[in-house]
Amino acid sequence: MPLQPRDVMKETLRRQVWESAEHIREYCRLPQSLDVFPFQIDHIIAEQHHGPTVAENLAVSCLNDNLHKGPNIAGLDSNTGLLTRLFHPP
């Protein structure tokens, strides 16, 4: 069965996010070779908070990072006590 135009768009976006991340987890920066589970593409700002499905709002994530982050975009830094964004693109 050939890919539908929407599927091609999804695959193109997925490939763009992977290439931008250089095939490394964007939260903890570890390579895929160190994980037994496949990486996921995560919304930095969750869809439930109206985060768009565009390359600038997507990050390569491992299951562990994605489960710990959930829909959050920030947390308290344990060293400074300051509210800090969880994702800092290079």
Protein backbone atom coordinates (compact mmCIF):
# COMPACT_ATOMS: atom_id res chain seq x y z
CA MET A 1 0.00 0.00 0.00
CA PRO A 2 1.56 3.35 -1.04
CA LEU A 3 2.04 6.13 1.50
CA GLN A 4 -0.68 8.76 1.59
CA PRO A 5 0.38 12.46 1.33
CA ARG A 6 -0.21 12.97 5.07
CA ASP A 7 2.03 9.96 5.90
CA VAL A 8 4.78 11.31 3.64
CA MET A 9 4.57 14.65 5.47
CA LYS A 10 4.84 12.89 8.84
CA GLU A 11 7.84 10.86 7.66
CA THR A 12 9.55 13.98 6.28
CA LEU A 13 9.04 15.81 9.59
CA ARG A 14 10.22 12.79 11.59
CA ARG A 15 13.37 12.56 9.48
CA GLN A 16 14.01 16.30 9.88
CA VAL A 17 13.76 16.05 13.69
CA TRP A 18 16.09 13.01 13.81
CA GLU A 19 18.69 14.70 11.59
CA SER A 20 18.53 17.92 13.61
CA ALA A 21 19.13 15.93 16.82
CA GLU A 22 22.00 14.05 15.15
CA HIS A 23 20.36 10.78 16.34
CA ILE A 24 21.04 11.65 20.00
CA ARG A 25 18.50 12.11 22.80
CA GLU A 26 17.91 15.80 23.16
CA TYR A 27 17.16 15.83 26.90
CA CYS A 28 19.92 13.59 28.32
CA ARG A 29 22.19 13.65 25.20
CA LEU A 30 22.86 9.87 25.12
CA PRO A 31 23.07 7.97 21.82
CA GLN A 32 20.50 5.38 20.73
CA SER A 33 23.14 2.62 21.07
CA LEU A 34 22.94 2.92 24.88
CA ASP A 35 19.18 2.27 25.05
CA VAL A 36 17.26 -0.96 24.48
CA PHE A 37 14.04 0.89 23.63
CA PRO A 38 13.65 2.91 20.43
CA PHE A 39 13.71 6.67 20.76
CA GLN A 40 10.49 8.66 20.50
CA ILE A 41 9.70 12.06 19.08
CA ASP A 42 8.30 14.22 21.86
CA HIS A 43 6.40 17.50 21.77
CA ILE A 44 8.46 20.01 23.79
CA ILE A 45 5.28 21.95 24.54
CA ALA A 46 2.69 19.18 24.82
CA GLU A 47 -0.22 18.97 22.40
CA GLN A 48 -2.56 19.27 25.41
CA HIS A 49 -1.05 22.74 25.95
CA HIS A 50 -1.55 23.57 22.26
CA GLY A 51 2.04 22.82 21.25
CA PRO A 52 2.17 22.51 17.45
CA THR A 53 3.48 19.49 15.58
CA VAL A 54 6.32 21.35 13.86
CA ALA A 55 10.06 20.64 13.87
CA GLU A 56 10.81 23.51 16.27
CA ASN A 57 8.49 21.96 18.89
CA LEU A 58 9.68 18.36 18.55
CA ALA A 59 12.60 16.63 20.26
CA VAL A 60 14.12 13.16 20.10
CA SER A 61 13.57 11.53 23.49
CA CYS A 62 14.09 8.19 25.17
CA LEU A 63 11.18 6.51 26.93
CA ASN A 64 12.64 7.31 30.37
CA ASP A 65 13.09 11.04 29.65
CA ASN A 66 9.66 11.28 28.02
CA LEU A 67 7.91 9.59 30.97
CA HIS A 68 9.69 11.84 33.49
CA LYS A 69 9.05 15.03 31.51
CA GLY A 70 5.41 14.30 30.75
CA PRO A 71 3.59 17.47 29.65
CA ASN A 72 5.94 19.72 31.68
CA ILE A 73 8.12 22.33 29.99
CA ALA A 74 9.96 23.48 33.13
CA GLY A 75 11.04 22.31 36.57
CA LEU A 76 12.89 23.58 39.62
CA ASP A 77 16.66 23.40 39.28
CA SER A 78 17.93 21.41 42.29
CA ASN A 79 21.11 23.53 42.50
CA THR A 80 19.61 27.02 42.22
CA GLY A 81 15.94 26.53 43.10
CA LEU A 82 15.05 28.52 39.97
CA LEU A 83 12.31 27.54 37.53
CA THR A 84 14.20 26.26 34.47
CA ARG A 85 13.07 25.09 31.02
CA LEU A 86 13.62 21.36 30.55
CA PHE A 87 14.74 21.63 26.95
CA HIS A 88 17.50 23.91 25.71
CA PRO A 89 18.05 23.46 21.99
CA PRO A 90 21.65 23.99 20.86
